[in-house]
Protein backbone atom coordinates (compact mmCIF):
# COMPACT_ATOMS: atom_id res chain seq x y z
CA MET A 1 -76.04 14.72 91.86
CA SER A 2 -73.20 15.89 94.12
CA PRO A 3 -70.50 13.38 95.21
CA ALA A 4 -71.62 13.55 98.85
CA LEU A 5 -75.27 12.94 97.93
CA THR A 6 -74.29 10.07 95.63
CA ILE A 7 -72.34 8.40 98.44
CA LEU A 8 -75.20 8.90 100.90
CA THR A 9 -77.68 7.39 98.42
CA ILE A 10 -75.45 4.36 97.88
CA LEU A 11 -74.93 3.85 101.59
CA GLY A 12 -78.68 4.31 102.11
CA ALA A 13 -79.44 1.41 99.77
CA VAL A 14 -76.97 -0.82 101.62
CA VAL A 15 -78.37 0.23 105.01
CA LEU A 16 -81.91 -0.51 103.80
CA GLY A 17 -80.73 -3.99 102.88
CA LEU A 18 -79.20 -4.37 106.33
CA LEU A 19 -82.53 -3.43 107.92
CA LEU A 20 -84.44 -5.84 105.70
CA SER A 21 -82.09 -8.64 106.75
CA ARG A 22 -83.36 -8.13 110.31
CA VAL A 23 -86.88 -9.12 109.22
CA PRO A 24 -87.15 -12.83 110.14
CA ALA A 25 -88.75 -13.93 106.87
CA LEU A 26 -86.18 -12.04 104.76
CA GLY A 27 -83.13 -12.69 106.92
CA ARG A 28 -83.03 -16.32 105.82
CA LEU A 29 -82.91 -15.48 102.09
CA PRO A 30 -79.16 -14.66 101.72
CA ALA A 31 -78.27 -18.22 102.73
CA THR A 32 -80.43 -19.76 99.98
CA ARG A 33 -79.25 -20.80 96.54
CA ALA A 34 -82.05 -18.82 94.91
CA PHE A 35 -80.73 -15.58 96.46
CA GLY A 36 -77.32 -16.15 94.90
CA VAL A 37 -78.83 -16.96 91.51
CA VAL A 38 -81.00 -13.83 91.55
CA ARG A 39 -78.06 -11.64 92.54
CA MET A 40 -75.89 -13.12 89.79
CA CYS A 41 -78.61 -12.62 87.17
CA VAL A 42 -79.07 -8.97 88.16
CA LEU A 43 -75.30 -8.48 88.12
CA ALA A 44 -74.95 -10.03 84.66
CA ALA A 45 -77.78 -7.82 83.41
CA MET A 46 -76.04 -4.72 84.76
CA VAL A 47 -72.74 -5.63 83.06
CA GLY A 48 -74.69 -6.10 79.83
CA ALA A 49 -76.31 -2.68 80.33
CA ILE A 50 -72.86 -1.13 80.80
CA GLY A 51 -71.79 -2.69 77.51
CA PHE A 52 -74.97 -1.33 75.88
CA ARG A 53 -74.08 2.14 77.13
CA LEU A 54 -70.59 1.81 75.68
CA GLY A 55 -72.13 0.82 72.35
CA ARG A 56 -74.46 3.83 72.44
CA THR A 57 -71.62 6.26 73.21
CA GLU A 58 -71.17 8.05 69.90
CA GLU A 59 -67.78 9.51 70.84
CA LEU A 60 -66.37 6.01 71.20
CA ILE A 61 -67.87 4.77 67.93
CA ASN A 62 -67.14 7.84 65.82
CA SER A 63 -63.72 8.69 67.24
CA ALA A 64 -62.22 5.25 67.72
CA GLY A 65 -59.11 6.35 65.83
CA THR A 66 -58.42 9.44 67.95
CA LEU A 67 -60.31 10.07 71.17
CA GLY A 68 -61.12 6.39 71.56
CA LEU A 69 -57.48 5.28 71.40
CA ALA A 70 -56.41 8.04 73.80
CA ALA A 71 -59.15 6.97 76.22
CA LEU A 72 -58.09 3.32 75.93
CA LEU A 73 -54.47 4.22 76.68
CA PHE A 74 -55.43 6.28 79.75
CA ALA A 75 -57.76 3.53 81.01
CA ALA A 76 -55.08 0.85 80.68
CA ALA A 77 -52.31 3.05 82.11
CA THR A 78 -54.25 4.21 85.19
CA LEU A 79 -55.49 0.70 85.97
CA ALA A 80 -52.03 -0.82 85.48
CA GLY A 81 -50.46 1.92 87.60
CA THR A 82 -52.92 1.25 90.41
CA LEU A 83 -52.26 -2.49 90.40
CA LEU A 84 -48.47 -2.01 90.23
CA VAL A 85 -48.30 0.47 93.13
CA LEU A 86 -50.59 -1.61 95.33
CA SER A 87 -48.65 -4.81 94.54
CA VAL A 88 -45.39 -3.16 95.60
CA VAL A 89 -46.92 -1.75 98.79
CA PHE A 90 -48.54 -5.06 99.73
CA ALA A 91 -45.26 -6.90 99.11
CA LEU A 92 -43.30 -4.46 101.27
CA ARG A 93 -45.88 -4.40 104.08
CA GLY A 94 -46.69 -8.09 103.96
CA THR A 95 -50.43 -7.33 103.71
CA GLY A 96 -53.13 -7.60 101.05
CA SER A 97 -53.33 -11.40 101.18
CA ARG A 98 -56.53 -13.41 101.39
CA SER A 99 -56.08 -13.79 105.14
CA ASP A 100 -56.34 -10.00 105.41
CA VAL A 101 -59.80 -10.19 103.86
CA SER A 102 -61.10 -13.22 105.67
CA PRO A 103 -58.79 -14.65 108.36
CA ARG A 104 -61.14 -17.57 108.87
CA ASN A 105 -60.83 -18.86 105.33
CA ALA A 106 -57.74 -20.23 103.64
CA SER A 107 -57.41 -19.68 99.90
CA PRO A 108 -59.39 -22.46 98.19
CA PRO A 109 -57.78 -24.67 95.57
CA VAL A 110 -58.03 -23.35 92.01
CA ARG A 111 -60.56 -25.06 89.77
CA TRP A 112 -60.16 -23.61 86.32
CA SER A 113 -63.81 -24.05 85.37
CA ALA A 114 -64.90 -22.00 88.37
CA PHE A 115 -61.94 -19.64 88.01
CA LEU A 116 -62.88 -18.64 84.47
CA ALA A 117 -66.66 -18.79 84.77
CA ASP A 118 -67.31 -15.30 86.14
CA PRO A 119 -64.79 -13.40 83.95
CA LEU A 120 -66.01 -15.13 80.79
CA LEU A 121 -69.64 -14.45 81.70
CA PHE A 122 -68.97 -10.76 82.40
CA LEU A 123 -66.89 -10.41 79.23
CA ALA A 124 -69.62 -12.08 77.17
CA MET A 125 -72.33 -9.87 78.67
CA LEU A 126 -70.20 -6.75 78.15
CA ALA A 127 -69.53 -7.69 74.51
CA ALA A 128 -73.18 -8.63 73.85
CA GLY A 129 -74.37 -5.36 75.34
CA PHE A 130 -71.85 -3.36 73.32
CA LEU A 131 -72.82 -5.05 70.06
CA ALA A 132 -76.51 -4.54 70.79
CA GLY A 133 -75.97 -0.87 71.60
CA ALA A 134 -73.78 -0.22 68.57
CA PHE A 135 -75.50 -2.22 65.84
CA VAL A 136 -79.05 -3.20 66.87
CA PRO A 137 -81.63 -0.44 66.25
CA ILE A 138 -83.64 -1.00 69.43
CA PHE A 139 -84.77 1.59 71.96
CA PRO A 140 -83.64 4.61 69.92
CA GLY A 141 -82.40 7.43 72.09
CA ALA A 142 -81.78 5.17 75.10
CA ASN A 143 -78.23 4.64 76.37
CA GLY A 144 -78.91 2.24 79.24
CA GLY A 145 -78.06 4.77 81.96
CA ASP A 146 -81.40 4.53 83.76
CA LEU A 147 -81.31 0.73 83.58
CA ILE A 148 -77.80 0.66 85.06
CA THR A 149 -78.90 2.90 87.92
CA GLY A 150 -81.98 0.80 88.68
CA LEU A 151 -80.08 -2.49 88.61
CA LEU A 152 -77.31 -0.96 90.71
CA TYR A 153 -79.66 -0.05 93.55
CA VAL A 154 -81.27 -3.50 93.44
CA LEU A 155 -77.81 -5.02 93.77
CA LEU A 156 -76.87 -2.68 96.63
CA LEU A 157 -80.03 -3.71 98.43
CA LEU A 158 -79.12 -7.38 98.00
CA VAL A 159 -75.55 -6.64 99.13
CA GLY A 160 -76.89 -5.02 102.30
CA MET A 161 -79.04 -8.08 103.02
CA GLY A 162 -76.04 -10.35 102.59
CA LEU A 163 -73.87 -8.14 104.75
CA GLY A 164 -76.53 -8.09 107.47
CA THR A 165 -76.34 -11.86 107.87
CA SER A 166 -72.55 -12.16 107.54
CA GLY A 167 -71.69 -11.33 111.16
CA ILE A 168 -69.17 -8.65 110.20
CA ARG A 169 -68.47 -6.11 112.97
CA PRO A 170 -67.56 -2.45 112.32
CA GLU A 171 -64.25 -2.74 114.15
CA GLN A 172 -63.10 -5.32 111.60
CA ILE A 173 -62.86 -2.60 108.98
CA LEU A 174 -61.95 0.40 111.13
CA THR A 175 -58.78 -1.34 112.33
CA HIS A 176 -57.88 -2.92 108.97
CA PRO A 177 -54.21 -2.27 108.03
CA ASP A 178 -55.12 -1.54 104.40
CA LEU A 179 -58.02 0.83 105.06
CA LEU A 180 -56.15 3.83 103.66
CA ILE A 181 -53.55 1.96 101.59
CA LEU A 182 -56.13 0.96 98.95
CA PRO A 183 -57.38 4.45 98.03
CA LEU A 184 -53.94 6.06 98.42
CA GLY A 185 -52.37 3.39 96.21
CA ALA A 186 -55.10 3.92 93.63
CA ILE A 187 -54.47 7.68 93.63
CA VAL A 188 -50.68 7.41 93.29
CA GLY A 189 -50.85 4.62 90.71
CA SER A 190 -53.51 6.34 88.62
CA LEU A 191 -51.67 9.67 88.56
CA ALA A 192 -48.39 7.95 87.63
CA GLY A 193 -50.08 5.98 84.87
CA GLY A 194 -51.81 9.13 83.63
CA LEU A 195 -48.50 10.99 83.47
CA LEU A 196 -46.99 8.25 81.30
CA ALA A 197 -50.04 8.16 79.04
CA GLY A 198 -49.95 11.94 78.73
CA LEU A 199 -46.26 11.81 77.84
CA ALA A 200 -47.00 9.29 75.08
CA LEU A 201 -49.84 11.44 73.72
CA ASN A 202 -48.06 14.79 74.18
CA ILE A 203 -50.60 16.04 76.74
CA ARG A 204 -49.30 18.46 79.36
CA PRO A 205 -48.75 16.79 82.78
CA GLY A 206 -51.43 18.76 84.65
CA ALA A 207 -54.12 17.87 82.11
CA ALA A 208 -52.93 14.24 82.01
CA MET A 209 -53.19 13.90 85.79
CA SER A 210 -56.65 15.47 85.75
CA LEU A 211 -57.67 12.84 83.18
CA ALA A 212 -56.32 10.16 85.51
CA SER A 213 -58.21 11.51 88.55
CA GLY A 214 -61.61 10.09 87.67
CA PHE A 215 -60.82 6.65 89.15
CA GLY A 216 -63.65 5.14 87.08
CA TRP A 217 -66.32 7.77 87.88
CA TYR A 218 -66.87 8.69 84.24
CA SER A 219 -69.98 10.84 84.59
CA LEU A 220 -68.52 13.33 87.08
CA SER A 221 -64.97 13.47 85.71
CA GLY A 222 -66.22 13.91 82.15
CA VAL A 223 -68.47 16.81 83.13
CA LEU A 224 -65.74 18.51 85.17
CA LEU A 225 -63.16 18.38 82.39
CA THR A 226 -65.67 19.52 79.78
CA LYS A 227 -66.22 22.65 81.87
CA LEU A 228 -62.50 23.13 82.50
CA ASP A 229 -61.11 22.49 79.02
CA GLY A 230 -63.83 21.72 76.51
CA PRO A 231 -65.60 18.74 74.92
CA GLY A 232 -62.41 17.11 73.59
CA LEU A 233 -60.70 16.47 76.91
CA GLY A 234 -64.08 15.89 78.55
CA ALA A 235 -64.87 13.12 76.07
CA VAL A 236 -61.50 11.44 76.68
CA SER A 237 -62.12 11.57 80.43
CA PHE A 238 -65.63 10.16 80.09
CA LEU A 239 -64.53 7.33 77.79
CA SER A 240 -61.31 6.44 79.64
CA ASN A 241 -63.08 6.13 82.98
CA MET A 242 -65.92 4.13 81.42
CA LEU A 243 -63.37 1.77 79.84
CA ARG A 244 -61.44 1.55 83.12
CA GLU A 245 -64.62 0.50 84.91
CA SER A 246 -65.31 -2.17 82.28
CA MET A 247 -61.75 -3.52 82.41
CA GLY A 248 -61.95 -3.72 86.18
CA LEU A 249 -65.21 -5.68 86.07
CA VAL A 250 -63.58 -8.36 83.93
CA LEU A 251 -60.28 -8.44 85.87
CA ILE A 252 -61.66 -8.54 89.42
CA PRO A 253 -62.34 -12.33 89.53
CA PHE A 254 -58.80 -12.98 88.25
CA LEU A 255 -57.16 -10.56 90.68
CA ALA A 256 -59.02 -12.18 93.58
CA ARG A 257 -57.03 -15.38 92.90
CA THR A 258 -53.61 -13.73 92.87
CA ARG A 259 -51.04 -13.45 95.65
CA PHE A 260 -52.66 -10.18 96.70
CA PRO A 261 -56.44 -10.59 96.36
CA LEU A 262 -57.08 -7.06 97.66
CA LEU A 263 -55.93 -5.89 94.24
CA ALA A 264 -59.49 -6.74 93.19
CA ILE A 265 -60.72 -3.83 95.32
CA GLY A 266 -58.07 -1.50 93.91
CA ALA A 267 -59.09 -2.40 90.35
CA GLY A 268 -62.59 -1.11 91.02
CA GLY A 269 -61.35 2.38 91.88
CA ALA A 270 -64.20 4.68 92.80
CA THR A 271 -66.69 2.08 91.55
CA SER A 272 -65.69 -0.38 94.28
CA MET A 273 -68.45 1.14 96.40
CA ASP A 274 -71.18 0.64 93.79
CA VAL A 275 -70.89 -1.02 90.36
CA SER A 276 -67.89 -3.23 91.23
CA LEU A 277 -69.04 -3.98 94.77
CA VAL A 278 -71.08 -7.09 94.05
CA ILE A 279 -68.48 -8.66 91.75
CA THR A 280 -65.75 -7.99 94.32
CA SER A 281 -67.76 -9.35 97.24
CA ARG A 282 -68.61 -12.43 95.19
CA ALA A 283 -64.90 -12.98 94.46
CA LEU A 284 -63.52 -12.14 97.93
CA GLY A 285 -66.46 -12.85 100.23
CA GLU A 286 -68.82 -10.66 102.23
CA GLU A 287 -65.93 -9.66 104.53
CA SER A 288 -64.56 -7.43 101.75
CA ILE A 289 -67.69 -5.24 101.54
CA PRO A 290 -66.69 -2.68 104.23
CA LEU A 291 -63.26 -2.27 102.60
CA CYS A 292 -64.90 -1.78 99.20
CA LEU A 293 -67.24 0.87 100.57
CA ALA A 294 -64.43 2.70 102.37
CA SER A 295 -62.00 2.68 99.43
CA GLY A 296 -64.61 3.59 96.83
CA GLY A 297 -66.11 6.28 99.04
CA LEU A 298 -62.79 8.00 99.69
CA LEU A 299 -61.84 7.89 96.00
CA SER A 300 -65.25 9.27 95.00
CA LEU A 301 -64.79 12.19 97.38
CA MET A 302 -61.38 12.91 95.85
CA VAL A 303 -62.59 13.10 92.23
CA PRO A 304 -64.14 16.63 92.42
CA ILE A 305 -61.04 17.83 94.28
CA LEU A 306 -58.21 16.29 92.26
CA VAL A 307 -59.62 16.86 88.75
CA PRO A 308 -59.66 20.68 88.96
CA VAL A 309 -56.54 20.88 91.18
CA CYS A 310 -54.44 18.79 88.78
CA TYR A 311 -55.77 20.64 85.74
CA SER A 312 -54.82 24.00 87.27
CA LEU A 313 -51.18 23.01 87.74
CA PRO A 314 -48.91 25.36 85.77
CA PHE A 315 -47.15 22.62 83.80
């Protein structure tokens, strides 16, 4: 599926949820406790399915000493670079605070039980899914991809319903000071982190930056680099972006409690418009959803441009 069609499909699911929220009988659901429980259960199941897919990825299991370690280094470096660049920009601009997400709400006091609950749950589900995929001989031949897709669209539908009852107006996002800062910071930070990782692994700068240009969209970036260079670099791209997505899922609830909560959106990269969207909106509030969609959408559109452009650089 092309990047543009993927984005349209994702937005279509959210819009369908918005329309359903206008139905009187359904519009009252987002305010109920049951709605939140159902959304959290679906989200936990999706994180577990992502872990299952990691466990069923043979390149990660069989090449943990070579490709796997390179992928881990690129995932950590691109994510750290993104967070570092955005932190510096937010500090210099005086933006990125919780008031920039939801001016009506002050930052609530930290309760460690609530603070750790979501990250520990997501980490446990990710680990359980990975162990099941790697060591439990169930559903041979399945990698969890179809399950992830199905759960994702259910979550996007629920997100749309919640957004439809939140009272958010389009101008709140179109005039937001960090509308472009988030994706631009993610691009600069990821490329810088990729350059450093490439230097450590003796990978030429152009190829290293192309590896860093997936922003978490492992399926597209992996395919592009396989065509450009071969299965070796393609596998590193696929694994590093999959690992980056998984790291972001666990870190988002923590980042939402920092001095600059908008770092939670940056951590999601391209996935902030789909897989990471529900976790981020749960951590930051429904007001963050338009920013997530804008940042993730722009980064997704840049993946098929930056990967080949960076790879073609003559150095």
